[in-house]
C-alpha atoms as a PDB file:
ATOM      1  CA  UNK A   1       0.000   0.000   0.000  1.00  0.00           C
ATOM      2  CA  UNK A   2       1.309   3.446  -0.918  1.00  0.00           C
ATOM      3  CA  UNK A   3       2.239   5.589   2.073  1.00  0.00           C
ATOM      4  CA  UNK A   4       1.545   9.335   2.098  1.00  0.00           C
ATOM      5  CA  UNK A   5       2.673  11.919   4.654  1.00  0.00           C
ATOM      6  CA  UNK A   6       1.123  15.341   5.288  1.00  0.00           C
ATOM      7  CA  UNK A   7       3.021  18.280   6.786  1.00  0.00           C
ATOM      8  CA  UNK A   8       0.832  21.143   7.970  1.00  0.00           C
ATOM      9  CA  UNK A   9      -0.280  23.116  11.051  1.00  0.00           C
ATOM     10  CA  UNK A  10      -1.902  20.094  12.705  1.00  0.00           C
ATOM     11  CA  UNK A  11      -1.126  21.203  16.279  1.00  0.00           C
ATOM     12  CA  UNK A  12      -2.270  24.782  16.026  1.00  0.00           C
ATOM     13  CA  UNK A  13      -4.937  25.726  18.576  1.00  0.00           C
ATOM     14  CA  UNK A  14      -7.116  26.916  15.719  1.00  0.00           C
ATOM     15  CA  UNK A  15     -10.328  25.274  14.518  1.00  0.00           C
ATOM     16  CA  UNK A  16      -9.678  25.748  10.829  1.00  0.00           C
ATOM     17  CA  UNK A  17      -6.142  24.394  11.060  1.00  0.00           C
ATOM     18  CA  UNK A  18      -7.055  21.108  12.728  1.00  0.00           C
ATOM     19  CA  UNK A  19     -10.225  20.557  10.692  1.00  0.00           C
ATOM     20  CA  UNK A  20      -8.502  21.108   7.354  1.00  0.00           C
ATOM     21  CA  UNK A  21      -5.833  18.603   8.419  1.00  0.00           C
ATOM     22  CA  UNK A  22      -8.514  16.100   9.373  1.00  0.00           C
ATOM     23  CA  UNK A  23     -10.239  16.616   6.030  1.00  0.00           C
ATOM     24  CA  UNK A  24      -7.109  16.192   3.911  1.00  0.00           C
ATOM     25  CA  UNK A  25      -6.059  13.059   5.748  1.00  0.00           C
ATOM     26  CA  UNK A  26      -9.584  11.614   5.509  1.00  0.00           C
ATOM     27  CA  UNK A  27      -9.984  12.198   1.787  1.00  0.00           C
ATOM     28  CA  UNK A  28      -6.562  10.711   1.020  1.00  0.00           C
ATOM     29  CA  UNK A  29      -7.367   7.609   3.088  1.00  0.00           C
ATOM     30  CA  UNK A  30     -10.577   7.231   1.085  1.00  0.00           C
ATOM     31  CA  UNK A  31      -8.345   6.502  -1.934  1.00  0.00           C
ATOM     32  CA  UNK A  32      -7.239   3.296  -0.151  1.00  0.00           C
ATOM     33  CA  UNK A  33      -3.753   4.531   0.622  1.00  0.00           C
ATOM     34  CA  UNK A  34      -2.025   4.937   3.957  1.00  0.00           C
ATOM     35  CA  UNK A  35      -1.830   8.520   5.196  1.00  0.00           C
ATOM     36  CA  UNK A  36       0.001   9.945   8.214  1.00  0.00           C
ATOM     37  CA  UNK A  37       0.220  13.452   9.590  1.00  0.00           C
ATOM     38  CA  UNK A  38       3.831  14.154  10.508  1.00  0.00           C
ATOM     39  CA  UNK A  39       3.912  15.201  14.146  1.00  0.00           C
ATOM     40  CA  UNK A  40       6.294  18.086  13.522  1.00  0.00           C
ATOM     41  CA  UNK A  41       7.106  20.137  16.593  1.00  0.00           C
ATOM     42  CA  UNK A  42       7.755  23.277  14.614  1.00  0.00           C
ATOM     43  CA  UNK A  43       9.820  25.759  16.623  1.00  0.00           C
ATOM     44  CA  UNK A  44       7.604  28.794  16.122  1.00  0.00           C
ATOM     45  CA  UNK A  45       4.605  26.835  17.477  1.00  0.00           C
ATOM     46  CA  UNK A  46       6.413  25.598  20.569  1.00  0.00           C
ATOM     47  CA  UNK A  47       7.862  29.048  21.201  1.00  0.00           C
ATOM     48  CA  UNK A  48       4.521  30.776  20.793  1.00  0.00           C
ATOM     49  CA  UNK A  49       2.818  28.608  23.420  1.00  0.00           C
ATOM     50  CA  UNK A  50       5.490  28.978  26.101  1.00  0.00           C
ATOM     51  CA  UNK A  51       4.913  31.473  28.887  1.00  0.00           C
ATOM     52  CA  UNK A  52       8.337  33.072  29.105  1.00  0.00           C
ATOM     53  CA  UNK A  53       9.736  33.248  25.620  1.00  0.00           C
ATOM     54  CA  UNK A  54       9.696  36.990  24.983  1.00  0.00           C
ATOM     55  CA  UNK A  55      12.475  39.327  25.960  1.00  0.00           C
ATOM     56  CA  UNK A  56       9.927  41.675  27.515  1.00  0.00           C
ATOM     57  CA  UNK A  57       7.359  40.245  29.899  1.00  0.00           C
ATOM     58  CA  UNK A  58       3.959  41.819  30.244  1.00  0.00           C
ATOM     59  CA  UNK A  59       0.888  41.088  32.287  1.00  0.00           C
ATOM     60  CA  UNK A  60      -1.286  40.381  29.246  1.00  0.00           C
ATOM     61  CA  UNK A  61       1.137  37.790  27.870  1.00  0.00           C
ATOM     62  CA  UNK A  62       1.522  36.017  31.212  1.00  0.00           C
ATOM     63  CA  UNK A  63      -2.234  35.810  31.816  1.00  0.00           C
ATOM     64  CA  UNK A  64      -2.744  34.543  28.270  1.00  0.00           C
ATOM     65  CA  UNK A  65      -0.287  31.692  28.707  1.00  0.00           C
ATOM     66  CA  UNK A  66      -1.273  30.752  32.249  1.00  0.00           C
ATOM     67  CA  UNK A  67      -5.018  30.665  31.568  1.00  0.00           C
ATOM     68  CA  UNK A  68      -5.855  30.677  27.868  1.00  0.00           C
ATOM     69  CA  UNK A  69      -3.254  28.320  26.381  1.00  0.00           C
ATOM     70  CA  UNK A  70      -3.838  25.439  28.852  1.00  0.00           C
ATOM     71  CA  UNK A  71      -7.600  25.891  28.391  1.00  0.00           C
ATOM     72  CA  UNK A  72      -7.339  25.680  24.602  1.00  0.00           C
ATOM     73  CA  UNK A  73      -4.939  22.724  24.756  1.00  0.00           C
ATOM     74  CA  UNK A  74      -7.425  20.838  26.926  1.00  0.00           C
ATOM     75  CA  UNK A  75     -10.107  21.424  24.273  1.00  0.00           C
ATOM     76  CA  UNK A  76      -7.946  20.510  21.283  1.00  0.00           C
ATOM     77  CA  UNK A  77      -5.712  17.720  22.561  1.00  0.00           C
ATOM     78  CA  UNK A  78      -8.270  14.908  22.381  1.00  0.00           C
ATOM     79  CA  UNK A  79      -9.084  15.714  18.755  1.00  0.00           C
ATOM     80  CA  UNK A  80      -5.433  16.133  17.775  1.00  0.00           C
ATOM     81  CA  UNK A  81      -4.315  12.969  19.539  1.00  0.00           C
ATOM     82  CA  UNK A  82      -7.210  10.888  18.200  1.00  0.00           C
ATOM     83  CA  UNK A  83      -7.119  11.974  14.566  1.00  0.00           C
ATOM     84  CA  UNK A  84      -3.915  13.854  13.749  1.00  0.00           C
ATOM     85  CA  UNK A  85      -0.979  12.419  15.690  1.00  0.00           C
ATOM     86  CA  UNK A  86       0.439   9.624  13.534  1.00  0.00           C
ATOM     87  CA  UNK A  87       4.170   9.726  14.193  1.00  0.00           C
ATOM     88  CA  UNK A  88       6.367  10.273  17.179  1.00  0.00           C
ATOM     89  CA  UNK A  89       7.161  13.944  17.872  1.00  0.00           C
ATOM     90  CA  UNK A  90       9.788  15.166  15.411  1.00  0.00           C
ATOM     91  CA  UNK A  91      11.983  18.229  15.707  1.00  0.00           C
ATOM     92  CA  UNK A  92      13.447  19.955  12.641  1.00  0.00           C
ATOM     93  CA  UNK A  93      16.642  17.906  12.871  1.00  0.00           C
ATOM     94  CA  UNK A  94      14.611  14.677  12.952  1.00  0.00           C
ATOM     95  CA  UNK A  95      12.610  15.246   9.768  1.00  0.00           C
ATOM     96  CA  UNK A  96      15.176  13.691   7.370  1.00  0.00           C
ATOM     97  CA  UNK A  97      14.646  10.398   9.218  1.00  0.00           C
ATOM     98  CA  UNK A  98      11.236   9.943   7.549  1.00  0.00           C
ATOM     99  CA  UNK A  99      12.589  10.253   3.989  1.00  0.00           C
ATOM    100  CA  UNK A 100      12.395   6.550   3.251  1.00  0.00           C
ATOM    101  CA  UNK A 101       9.203   5.842   5.170  1.00  0.00           C
ATOM    102  CA  UNK A 102       6.828   7.471   2.695  1.00  0.00           C
ATOM    103  CA  UNK A 103       6.237   7.320  -1.037  1.00  0.00           C
ATOM    104  CA  UNK A 104       4.720  10.777  -1.206  1.00  0.00           C
ATOM    105  CA  UNK A 105       4.920  13.964   0.863  1.00  0.00           C
ATOM    106  CA  UNK A 106       2.250  16.672   0.763  1.00  0.00           C
ATOM    107  CA  UNK A 107       2.775  20.171   2.113  1.00  0.00           C
ATOM    108  CA  UNK A 108      -0.560  21.718   2.972  1.00  0.00           C
ATOM    109  CA  UNK A 109      -3.103  22.926   3.312  1.00  0.00           C
ATOM    110  CA  UNK A 110      -3.359  26.191   5.316  1.00  0.00           C
ATOM    111  CA  UNK A 111      -0.926  29.112   5.453  1.00  0.00           C
ATOM    112  CA  UNK A 112       2.161  26.918   5.610  1.00  0.00           C
ATOM    113  CA  UNK A 113       4.023  29.227   3.194  1.00  0.00           C
ATOM    114  CA  UNK A 114       3.317  32.387   5.158  1.00  0.00           C
ATOM    115  CA  UNK A 115       6.801  33.230   6.412  1.00  0.00           C
ATOM    116  CA  UNK A 116       5.421  35.574   9.060  1.00  0.00           C
ATOM    117  CA  UNK A 117       3.577  32.635  10.658  1.00  0.00           C
ATOM    118  CA  UNK A 118       6.306  30.000  10.269  1.00  0.00           C
ATOM    119  CA  UNK A 119       9.268  32.277  11.021  1.00  0.00           C
ATOM    120  CA  UNK A 120      10.450  31.305   7.515  1.00  0.00           C
ATOM    121  CA  UNK A 121      10.705  27.613   8.417  1.00  0.00           C
ATOM    122  CA  UNK A 122      11.723  25.851   5.194  1.00  0.00           C
ATOM    123  CA  UNK A 123      10.552  22.494   6.511  1.00  0.00           C
ATOM    124  CA  UNK A 124       7.084  23.496   5.310  1.00  0.00           C
ATOM    125  CA  UNK A 125       8.536  23.587   1.805  1.00  0.00           C
ATOM    126  CA  UNK A 126       9.729  20.003   2.347  1.00  0.00           C
ATOM    127  CA  UNK A 127      13.405  20.943   2.170  1.00  0.00           C
ATOM    128  CA  UNK A 128      14.237  17.752   4.099  1.00  0.00           C
ATOM    129  CA  UNK A 129      12.857  15.430   1.386  1.00  0.00           C
ATOM    130  CA  UNK A 130      15.681  14.160  -0.838  1.00  0.00           C
ATOM    131  CA  UNK A 131      13.699  12.651  -3.690  1.00  0.00           C
ATOM    132  CA  UNK A 132      12.039  15.499  -5.607  1.00  0.00           C
ATOM    133  CA  UNK A 133       9.552  13.043  -7.139  1.00  0.00           C
ATOM    134  CA  UNK A 134       8.004  12.759  -3.684  1.00  0.00           C
ATOM    135  CA  UNK A 135       7.547  16.500  -3.128  1.00  0.00           C
ATOM    136  CA  UNK A 136       4.018  17.865  -3.573  1.00  0.00           C
ATOM    137  CA  UNK A 137       1.681  20.537  -2.259  1.00  0.00           C
ATOM    138  CA  UNK A 138      -2.088  20.601  -1.862  1.00  0.00           C
ATOM    139  CA  UNK A 139      -3.952  23.909  -1.477  1.00  0.00           C
ATOM    140  CA  UNK A 140      -0.952  25.548   0.140  1.00  0.00           C
ATOM    141  CA  UNK A 141      -1.471  29.174   1.087  1.00  0.00           C
ATOM    142  CA  UNK A 142       0.877  32.131   1.386  1.00  0.00           C
ATOM    143  CA  UNK A 143      -1.848  33.969   3.308  1.00  0.00           C
ATOM    144  CA  UNK A 144      -0.802  37.234   1.626  1.00  0.00           C
ATOM    145  CA  UNK A 145      -0.649  38.650  -1.877  1.00  0.00           C
ATOM    146  CA  UNK A 146       2.898  39.974  -1.445  1.00  0.00           C
ATOM    147  CA  UNK A 147       5.849  38.034  -0.018  1.00  0.00           C
ATOM    148  CA  UNK A 148       8.499  39.369   2.311  1.00  0.00           C
ATOM    149  CA  UNK A 149      11.959  40.024   0.880  1.00  0.00           C
ATOM    150  CA  UNK A 150      13.317  37.001   2.766  1.00  0.00           C
ATOM    151  CA  UNK A 151      10.764  34.664   1.208  1.00  0.00           C
ATOM    152  CA  UNK A 152      11.276  36.146  -2.246  1.00  0.00           C
ATOM    153  CA  UNK A 153      14.920  35.120  -1.954  1.00  0.00           C
ATOM    154  CA  UNK A 154      14.419  31.641  -0.474  1.00  0.00           C
ATOM    155  CA  UNK A 155      11.248  30.331  -2.083  1.00  0.00           C
ATOM    156  CA  UNK A 156      12.196  30.058  -5.782  1.00  0.00           C
ATOM    157  CA  UNK A 157      14.859  27.389  -5.246  1.00  0.00           C
ATOM    158  CA  UNK A 158      12.640  25.417  -2.892  1.00  0.00           C
ATOM    159  CA  UNK A 159       9.483  25.649  -5.000  1.00  0.00           C
ATOM    160  CA  UNK A 160      11.287  24.458  -8.115  1.00  0.00           C
ATOM    161  CA  UNK A 161      11.865  21.126  -6.362  1.00  0.00           C
ATOM    162  CA  UNK A 162       8.117  20.356  -6.210  1.00  0.00           C
ATOM    163  CA  UNK A 163       6.742  17.760  -8.572  1.00  0.00           C
ATOM    164  CA  UNK A 164       3.148  18.996  -8.157  1.00  0.00           C
ATOM    165  CA  UNK A 165       1.821  22.225  -6.651  1.00  0.00           C
ATOM    166  CA  UNK A 166      -1.722  23.348  -6.009  1.00  0.00           C
ATOM    167  CA  UNK A 167      -2.570  26.619  -4.300  1.00  0.00           C
ATOM    168  CA  UNK A 168      -5.616  27.642  -2.280  1.00  0.00           C
ATOM    169  CA  UNK A 169      -6.020  31.252  -3.459  1.00  0.00           C
ATOM    170  CA  UNK A 170      -5.721  32.878  -6.853  1.00  0.00           C
ATOM    171  CA  UNK A 171      -3.286  35.376  -5.363  1.00  0.00           C
ATOM    172  CA  UNK A 172      -0.992  32.465  -4.500  1.00  0.00           C
ATOM    173  CA  UNK A 173      -1.185  31.148  -8.055  1.00  0.00           C
ATOM    174  CA  UNK A 174       0.093  34.546  -9.207  1.00  0.00           C
ATOM    175  CA  UNK A 175       2.913  34.463  -6.652  1.00  0.00           C
ATOM    176  CA  UNK A 176       4.122  31.099  -7.969  1.00  0.00           C
ATOM    177  CA  UNK A 177       3.951  32.370 -11.542  1.00  0.00           C
ATOM    178  CA  UNK A 178       6.023  35.418 -10.677  1.00  0.00           C
ATOM    179  CA  UNK A 179       8.565  33.483  -8.622  1.00  0.00           C
ATOM    180  CA  UNK A 180       9.307  30.467 -10.824  1.00  0.00           C
ATOM    181  CA  UNK A 181       7.313  31.133 -14.008  1.00  0.00           C
ATOM    182  CA  UNK A 182       5.209  28.030 -13.443  1.00  0.00           C
ATOM    183  CA  UNK A 183       1.477  27.687 -13.978  1.00  0.00           C
ATOM    184  CA  UNK A 184      -0.098  25.847 -11.050  1.00  0.00           C
ATOM    185  CA  UNK A 185      -3.639  24.764 -10.289  1.00  0.00           C
ATOM    186  CA  UNK A 186      -5.930  26.385  -7.741  1.00  0.00           C
ATOM    187  CA  UNK A 187      -7.724  23.843  -5.552  1.00  0.00           C
ATOM    188  CA  UNK A 188     -10.264  24.005  -2.758  1.00  0.00           C
ATOM    189  CA  UNK A 189      -9.475  24.099   0.916  1.00  0.00           C
ATOM    190  CA  UNK A 190      -9.638  20.461   2.150  1.00  0.00           C
ATOM    191  CA  UNK A 191     -12.690  21.195   4.303  1.00  0.00           C
ATOM    192  CA  UNK A 192     -14.756  21.295   1.104  1.00  0.00           C
ATOM    193  CA  UNK A 193     -13.598  17.845   0.010  1.00  0.00           C
ATOM    194  CA  UNK A 194     -15.588  15.939   2.635  1.00  0.00           C
ATOM    195  CA  UNK A 195     -19.339  15.577   2.289  1.00  0.00           C
ATOM    196  CA  UNK A 196     -21.730  16.988   4.860  1.00  0.00           C
ATOM    197  CA  UNK A 197     -22.486  13.408   5.935  1.00  0.00           C
ATOM    198  CA  UNK A 198     -18.798  12.842   6.624  1.00  0.00           C
ATOM    199  CA  UNK A 199     -18.614  16.003   8.730  1.00  0.00           C
ATOM    200  CA  UNK A 200     -21.766  15.012  10.604  1.00  0.00           C
ATOM    201  CA  UNK A 201     -19.894  11.993  11.962  1.00  0.00           C
ATOM    202  CA  UNK A 202     -18.126  14.469  14.266  1.00  0.00           C
ATOM    203  CA  UNK A 203     -21.309  16.308  15.250  1.00  0.00           C
ATOM    204  CA  UNK A 204     -23.773  15.574  18.034  1.00  0.00           C
ATOM    205  CA  UNK A 205     -26.935  17.282  16.840  1.00  0.00           C
ATOM    206  CA  UNK A 206     -27.732  18.971  20.144  1.00  0.00           C
ATOM    207  CA  UNK A 207     -30.964  20.929  19.799  1.00  0.00           C
ATOM    208  CA  UNK A 208     -29.912  23.227  22.649  1.00  0.00           C
ATOM    209  CA  UNK A 209     -27.446  24.754  20.202  1.00  0.00           C
ATOM    210  CA  UNK A 210     -30.205  25.780  17.806  1.00  0.00           C
ATOM    211  CA  UNK A 211     -31.864  29.206  17.581  1.00  0.00           C
ATOM    212  CA  UNK A 212     -28.461  30.835  17.832  1.00  0.00           C
ATOM    213  CA  UNK A 213     -26.524  33.433  15.916  1.00  0.00           C
ATOM    214  CA  UNK A 214     -22.966  32.136  15.981  1.00  0.00           C
ATOM    215  CA  UNK A 215     -20.142  34.665  15.910  1.00  0.00           C
ATOM    216  CA  UNK A 216     -16.611  33.500  15.145  1.00  0.00           C
ATOM    217  CA  UNK A 217     -13.936  36.151  14.783  1.00  0.00           C
ATOM    218  CA  UNK A 218     -10.242  36.386  14.102  1.00  0.00           C
ATOM    219  CA  UNK A 219      -9.133  39.382  16.119  1.00  0.00           C
ATOM    220  CA  UNK A 220     -11.457  41.999  17.538  1.00  0.00           C
ATOM    221  CA  UNK A 221     -14.244  43.393  15.372  1.00  0.00           C
ATOM    222  CA  UNK A 222     -16.789  45.474  17.266  1.00  0.00           C
ATOM    223  CA  UNK A 223     -18.744  46.234  14.081  1.00  0.00           C
ATOM    224  CA  UNK A 224     -19.457  42.550  13.441  1.00  0.00           C
ATOM    225  CA  UNK A 225     -20.489  41.992  17.049  1.00  0.00           C
ATOM    226  CA  UNK A 226     -22.826  44.993  16.925  1.00  0.00           C
ATOM    227  CA  UNK A 227     -24.283  43.629  13.683  1.00  0.00           C
ATOM    228  CA  UNK A 228     -24.890  40.233  15.307  1.00  0.00           C
ATOM    229  CA  UNK A 229     -26.566  41.826  18.336  1.00  0.00           C
ATOM    230  CA  UNK A 230     -28.873  43.913  16.151  1.00  0.00           C
ATOM    231  CA  UNK A 231     -29.745  40.809  14.149  1.00  0.00           C
ATOM    232  CA  UNK A 232     -30.502  38.954  17.375  1.00  0.00           C
ATOM    233  CA  UNK A 233     -32.907  41.677  18.511  1.00  0.00           C
ATOM    234  CA  UNK A 234     -34.717  41.548  15.187  1.00  0.00           C
ATOM    235  CA  UNK A 235     -34.980  37.752  15.129  1.00  0.00           C
ATOM    236  CA  UNK A 236     -35.244  37.104  18.868  1.00  0.00           C
ATOM    237  CA  UNK A 237     -32.320  34.691  18.742  1.00  0.00           C
ATOM    238  CA  UNK A 238     -29.386  34.233  21.076  1.00  0.00           C
ATOM    239  CA  UNK A 239     -25.869  35.413  20.191  1.00  0.00           C
ATOM    240  CA  UNK A 240     -23.047  32.997  20.973  1.00  0.00           C
ATOM    241  CA  UNK A 241     -19.415  33.940  20.415  1.00  0.00           C
ATOM    242  CA  UNK A 242     -17.041  31.011  19.926  1.00  0.00           C
ATOM    243  CA  UNK A 243     -13.825  32.082  21.566  1.00  0.00           C
ATOM    244  CA  UNK A 244     -10.328  31.852  20.172  1.00  0.00           C
ATOM    245  CA  UNK A 245      -8.904  34.539  22.405  1.00  0.00           C
ATOM    246  CA  UNK A 246      -8.300  34.700  26.142  1.00  0.00           C
ATOM    247  CA  UNK A 247     -10.155  38.017  26.281  1.00  0.00           C
ATOM    248  CA  UNK A 248     -13.914  38.060  25.808  1.00  0.00           C
ATOM    249  CA  UNK A 249     -15.039  39.764  22.620  1.00  0.00           C
ATOM    250  CA  UNK A 250     -18.179  41.156  24.281  1.00  0.00           C
ATOM    251  CA  UNK A 251     -19.148  40.470  27.868  1.00  0.00           C
ATOM    252  CA  UNK A 252     -22.832  41.238  27.230  1.00  0.00           C
ATOM    253  CA  UNK A 253     -23.289  37.979  25.290  1.00  0.00           C
ATOM    254  CA  UNK A 254     -22.207  34.402  25.835  1.00  0.00           C
ATOM    255  CA  UNK A 255     -18.552  33.698  25.019  1.00  0.00           C
ATOM    256  CA  UNK A 256     -17.796  29.977  24.858  1.00  0.00           C
ATOM    257  CA  UNK A 257     -14.726  27.776  24.796  1.00  0.00           C
ATOM    258  CA  UNK A 258     -15.516  24.712  22.666  1.00  0.00           C
ATOM    259  CA  UNK A 259     -13.822  21.641  21.218  1.00  0.00           C
ATOM    260  CA  UNK A 260     -13.343  21.320  17.428  1.00  0.00           C
ATOM    261  CA  UNK A 261     -16.324  18.955  17.316  1.00  0.00           C
ATOM    262  CA  UNK A 262     -18.479  21.414  19.260  1.00  0.00           C
ATOM    263  CA  UNK A 263     -17.326  24.259  17.009  1.00  0.00           C
ATOM    264  CA  UNK A 264     -18.597  22.284  14.011  1.00  0.00           C
ATOM    265  CA  UNK A 265     -21.845  21.583  15.847  1.00  0.00           C
ATOM    266  CA  UNK A 266     -22.496  25.245  16.555  1.00  0.00           C
ATOM    267  CA  UNK A 267     -21.882  26.235  12.930  1.00  0.00           C
ATOM    268  CA  UNK A 268     -24.028  23.355  11.666  1.00  0.00           C
ATOM    269  CA  UNK A 269     -26.982  24.248  13.918  1.00  0.00           C
ATOM    270  CA  UNK A 270     -26.730  28.047  13.647  1.00  0.00           C
ATOM    271  CA  UNK A 271     -29.587  30.118  12.314  1.00  0.00           C
ATOM    272  CA  UNK A 272     -27.014  32.648  11.131  1.00  0.00           C
ATOM    273  CA  UNK A 273     -23.218  32.867  11.194  1.00  0.00           C
ATOM    274  CA  UNK A 274     -21.320  36.145  11.528  1.00  0.00           C
ATOM    275  CA  UNK A 275     -17.602  35.846  10.839  1.00  0.00           C
ATOM    276  CA  UNK A 276     -14.415  37.339   9.438  1.00  0.00           C
ATOM    277  CA  UNK A 277     -12.622  33.977   9.506  1.00  0.00           C
ATOM    278  CA  UNK A 278     -11.750  32.005   6.367  1.00  0.00           C
ATOM    279  CA  UNK A 279     -12.817  28.693   7.878  1.00  0.00           C
ATOM    280  CA  UNK A 280     -15.835  30.292   9.496  1.00  0.00           C
ATOM    281  CA  UNK A 281     -16.766  31.166   5.927  1.00  0.00           C
ATOM    282  CA  UNK A 282     -15.894  27.765   4.433  1.00  0.00           C
ATOM    283  CA  UNK A 283     -18.097  25.846   6.857  1.00  0.00           C
ATOM    284  CA  UNK A 284     -20.939  28.351   6.522  1.00  0.00           C
ATOM    285  CA  UNK A 285     -20.867  27.698   2.786  1.00  0.00           C
ATOM    286  CA  UNK A 286     -20.418  23.951   3.239  1.00  0.00           C
ATOM    287  CA  UNK A 287     -23.430  23.735   5.545  1.00  0.00           C
ATOM    288  CA  UNK A 288     -25.480  26.254   3.494  1.00  0.00           C
ATOM    289  CA  UNK A 289     -25.890  28.543   6.489  1.00  0.00           C
ATOM    290  CA  UNK A 290     -27.137  32.108   6.110  1.00  0.00           C
ATOM    291  CA  UNK A 291     -23.975  34.043   6.907  1.00  0.00           C
ATOM    292  CA  UNK A 292     -22.590  37.555   7.035  1.00  0.00           C
ATOM    293  CA  UNK A 293     -18.905  38.173   6.563  1.00  0.00           C
ATOM    294  CA  UNK A 294     -16.663  41.114   7.293  1.00  0.00           C
ATOM    295  CA  UNK A 295     -13.329  41.770   5.624  1.00  0.00           C
ATOM    296  CA  UNK A 296     -10.412  42.649   7.845  1.00  0.00           C
ATOM    297  CA  UNK A 297      -8.424  45.705   6.856  1.00  0.00           C
ATOM    298  CA  UNK A 298      -5.193  43.822   6.287  1.00  0.00           C
ATOM    299  CA  UNK A 299      -3.619  41.940   3.421  1.00  0.00           C
ATOM    300  CA  UNK A 300      -3.214  38.833   5.561  1.00  0.00           C
ATOM    301  CA  UNK A 301      -6.791  37.563   5.617  1.00  0.00           C
ATOM    302  CA  UNK A 302      -8.680  39.760   3.188  1.00  0.00           C
ATOM    303  CA  UNK A 303      -7.440  38.072   0.006  1.00  0.00           C
ATOM    304  CA  UNK A 304      -8.554  34.561   0.927  1.00  0.00           C
ATOM    305  CA  UNK A 305     -11.996  35.694   2.033  1.00  0.00           C
ATOM    306  CA  UNK A 306     -12.513  37.749  -1.122  1.00  0.00           C
ATOM    307  CA  UNK A 307     -11.224  34.925  -3.292  1.00  0.00           C
ATOM    308  CA  UNK A 308     -13.759  32.443  -1.896  1.00  0.00           C
ATOM    309  CA  UNK A 309     -16.618  34.952  -2.090  1.00  0.00           C
ATOM    310  CA  UNK A 310     -15.713  35.691  -5.712  1.00  0.00           C
ATOM    311  CA  UNK A 311     -15.572  31.981  -6.561  1.00  0.00           C
ATOM    312  CA  UNK A 312     -19.035  31.323  -5.137  1.00  0.00           C
ATOM    313  CA  UNK A 313     -20.633  34.610  -6.233  1.00  0.00           C
ATOM    314  CA  UNK A 314     -21.423  35.439  -2.611  1.00  0.00           C
ATOM    315  CA  UNK A 315     -20.068  38.955  -2.227  1.00  0.00           C
ATOM    316  CA  UNK A 316     -23.611  40.058  -1.460  1.00  0.00           C
ATOM    317  CA  UNK A 317     -23.085  38.426   1.967  1.00  0.00           C
ATOM    318  CA  UNK A 318     -20.522  41.061   2.932  1.00  0.00           C
ATOM    319  CA  UNK A 319     -21.691  43.124   5.892  1.00  0.00           C
ATOM    320  CA  UNK A 320     -21.177  46.315   3.879  1.00  0.00           C
ATOM    321  CA  UNK A 321     -23.580  45.021   1.216  1.00  0.00           C
ATOM    322  CA  UNK A 322     -26.310  43.729   3.545  1.00  0.00           C
ATOM    323  CA  UNK A 323     -27.745  46.705   5.394  1.00  0.00           C
ATOM    324  CA  UNK A 324     -30.760  45.283   7.237  1.00  0.00           C
ATOM    325  CA  UNK A 325     -31.800  42.867   4.482  1.00  0.00           C
ATOM    326  CA  UNK A 326     -31.007  39.929   6.738  1.00  0.00           C
ATOM    327  CA  UNK A 327     -33.006  37.352   4.811  1.00  0.00           C
ATOM    328  CA  UNK A 328     -31.865  38.108   1.311  1.00  0.00           C
ATOM    329  CA  UNK A 329     -32.071  34.668  -0.356  1.00  0.00           C
ATOM    330  CA  UNK A 330     -28.985  32.773  -1.460  1.00  0.00           C
ATOM    331  CA  UNK A 331     -29.072  30.493  -4.482  1.00  0.00           C
ATOM    332  CA  UNK A 332     -27.520  27.541  -2.693  1.00  0.00           C
ATOM    333  CA  UNK A 333     -28.061  25.227  -5.666  1.00  0.00           C
ATOM    334  CA  UNK A 334     -25.817  27.476  -7.746  1.00  0.00           C
ATOM    335  CA  UNK A 335     -23.236  27.740  -4.943  1.00  0.00           C
ATOM    336  CA  UNK A 336     -23.210  23.991  -4.369  1.00  0.00           C
ATOM    337  CA  UNK A 337     -22.790  23.333  -8.086  1.00  0.00           C
ATOM    338  CA  UNK A 338     -19.757  25.632  -8.192  1.00  0.00           C
ATOM    339  CA  UNK A 339     -18.241  23.949  -5.150  1.00  0.00           C
ATOM    340  CA  UNK A 340     -18.919  20.476  -6.531  1.00  0.00           C
ATOM    341  CA  UNK A 341     -17.231  21.315  -9.824  1.00  0.00           C
ATOM    342  CA  UNK A 342     -14.188  22.673  -7.980  1.00  0.00           C
ATOM    343  CA  UNK A 343     -14.260  19.683  -5.641  1.00  0.00           C
ATOM    344  CA  UNK A 344     -14.082  17.267  -8.558  1.00  0.00           C
ATOM    345  CA  UNK A 345     -11.133  19.198 -10.002  1.00  0.00           C
ATOM    346  CA  UNK A 346      -9.405  19.194  -6.607  1.00  0.00           C
ATOM    347  CA  UNK A 347      -9.895  15.465  -6.040  1.00  0.00           C
ATOM    348  CA  UNK A 348      -8.645  14.697  -9.557  1.00  0.00           C
ATOM    349  CA  UNK A 349      -5.466  16.636  -8.768  1.00  0.00           C
ATOM    350  CA  UNK A 350      -5.063  14.934  -5.402  1.00  0.00           C
ATOM    351  CA  UNK A 351      -5.477  11.477  -6.891  1.00  0.00           C
ATOM    352  CA  UNK A 352      -2.807  12.299  -9.468  1.00  0.00           C
ATOM    353  CA  UNK A 353      -0.475  13.189  -6.622  1.00  0.00           C
ATOM    354  CA  UNK A 354      -1.018  10.200  -4.346  1.00  0.00           C
ATOM    355  CA  UNK A 355      -1.969   7.323  -6.641  1.00  0.00           C
END
């Protein structure tokens, strides 16, 4: 049986990161091949979740790491250990040891080529793999439309070693073209590759989670929270904020810590979703949920949100375009047809890589 290895952000305390890893591993295993997630202890991750790693200590940082990090680890560890931990822990120096254990390596998905997030860790470009015929990427993301000077220097040599590359956003396709003059395919985020029935295997359909407006934010966005609260007054629904920060977004509504499975459950059962998160958007689309999305005012997340909204013809769901027309209908048949077409293209690419 062919053996495939995935290298991605599988340990990140982020719902999108762990769920996209789960999805990619699951779809590859459905091809009747072996698939492992490399348990890479990437330095920037380990450093970021230690209490005293900064040269300057501050109260906010200490509280975050004493309270928030252990809380999030307790919520994520069961999911990560059950579904995503397939090898012994490996440090950067240990990665070459897996060269001969796998027939195919896949970098991706998620923002694994965002140097600001990885501290320019070339392991995510599979620099440790000797045989270039084994080097592939699926829906890798730079997370930005412009690279740093460091990455502009380092990436061309590393990217030229890849046998197959697919990118998650159109902006990333352009980056590859400019860097190495290579045309690459754009594929869907792995979360779209699994059917709703496959995702429902992780969901307990708890009716207590219904009649809610679910808010999931990356960073603070008071405008989106105000929008959700106004919507709740109009519809007489409850606002629930799913936390990914140690500080409450708004103390006047319920802020919840949840497991990845519970996060899915809340999105699945929501009456409406309000988000500025890429994976908040992907699952809203996947589950055909009425959603409202805000664009952050930075290059780091805006491009991927806009790209997905453009693909699905859903820019009318932007907060700025909604006003108070909360129940403007969405042609979900059209959206689902677009996603299914892209899904077929993505799976065809993935099968070419692993089979």
